[in-house]
């Protein structure tokens, strides 16, 4: 669902799908596309994994958070 910070991790149509809160029809449509297209599932999954490894690993998040603290408390 397109809530909170999910948009930071999911790039619409490239690493997954974002569906608005309460958009049941949109959710069903996207889910049906995924169920019918194994290639799409695989490509979204691979792209999502690459995005995670590039931007959201624990080590990176800790390093970037620490950097913010250092800048603020400098």
Protein backbone atom coordinates (compact mmCIF):
# COMPACT_ATOMS: atom_id res chain seq x y z
CA UNK A 1 0.00 0.00 0.00
CA UNK A 2 1.14 3.53 -0.73
CA UNK A 3 1.29 4.59 2.91
CA UNK A 4 4.00 5.97 5.16
CA UNK A 5 7.49 5.66 3.76
CA UNK A 6 6.78 2.79 1.39
CA UNK A 7 7.34 5.07 -1.63
CA UNK A 8 10.98 5.37 -0.60
CA UNK A 9 11.50 1.64 -1.12
CA UNK A 10 9.07 0.79 -3.91
CA UNK A 11 9.47 2.39 -7.32
CA UNK A 12 6.09 2.06 -9.03
CA UNK A 13 6.23 -0.43 -11.88
CA UNK A 14 9.96 -1.04 -11.49
CA UNK A 15 10.44 -2.69 -8.09
CA UNK A 16 6.80 -3.32 -7.28
CA UNK A 17 3.40 -1.70 -7.31
CA UNK A 18 1.96 0.98 -5.08
CA UNK A 19 -1.76 0.92 -4.45
CA UNK A 20 -3.56 3.65 -2.58
CA UNK A 21 -5.03 2.99 0.83
CA UNK A 22 -8.44 1.37 0.41
CA UNK A 23 -8.08 0.89 -3.38
CA UNK A 24 -9.39 -2.67 -3.48
CA UNK A 25 -9.94 -2.66 -7.24
CA UNK A 26 -6.39 -1.46 -7.86
CA UNK A 27 -5.03 -4.07 -5.48
CA UNK A 28 -6.96 -6.85 -7.23
CA UNK A 29 -5.79 -5.66 -10.65
CA UNK A 30 -2.13 -5.54 -9.64
CA UNK A 31 -2.33 -8.88 -7.88
CA UNK A 32 -3.94 -10.46 -10.95
CA UNK A 33 -1.12 -9.10 -13.13
CA UNK A 34 1.46 -10.65 -10.83
CA UNK A 35 -0.33 -13.99 -10.70
CA UNK A 36 -0.57 -14.14 -14.49
CA UNK A 37 2.97 -13.04 -15.33
CA UNK A 38 5.87 -14.98 -13.80
CA UNK A 39 8.37 -12.88 -15.77
CA UNK A 40 6.98 -9.69 -14.27
CA UNK A 41 7.17 -11.19 -10.78
CA UNK A 42 10.79 -12.15 -11.36
CA UNK A 43 11.85 -8.81 -12.82
CA UNK A 44 10.15 -6.80 -10.05
CA UNK A 45 11.70 -9.07 -7.45
CA UNK A 46 15.18 -8.75 -8.92
CA UNK A 47 14.89 -4.97 -9.24
CA UNK A 48 13.55 -4.73 -5.70
CA UNK A 49 16.46 -6.76 -4.36
CA UNK A 50 18.96 -4.53 -6.20
CA UNK A 51 17.28 -1.40 -4.81
CA UNK A 52 17.46 -2.82 -1.29
CA UNK A 53 21.14 -3.73 -1.66
CA UNK A 54 21.97 -0.27 -3.06
CA UNK A 55 19.96 1.87 -0.66
CA UNK A 56 18.47 0.09 2.34
CA UNK A 57 20.88 -2.36 3.91
CA UNK A 58 21.22 -2.14 7.68
CA UNK A 59 24.85 -1.08 7.37
CA UNK A 60 24.00 1.77 5.00
CA UNK A 61 21.04 2.96 7.05
CA UNK A 62 23.17 2.97 10.23
CA UNK A 63 26.01 4.81 8.49
CA UNK A 64 23.68 7.47 7.06
CA UNK A 65 21.81 7.91 10.34
CA UNK A 66 25.12 8.28 12.20
CA UNK A 67 26.23 10.88 9.65
CA UNK A 68 23.09 12.94 10.30
CA UNK A 69 23.76 12.83 14.05
CA UNK A 70 27.34 13.92 13.52
CA UNK A 71 26.24 16.85 11.34
CA UNK A 72 23.57 17.98 13.79
CA UNK A 73 25.71 17.61 16.89
CA UNK A 74 28.92 18.60 15.06
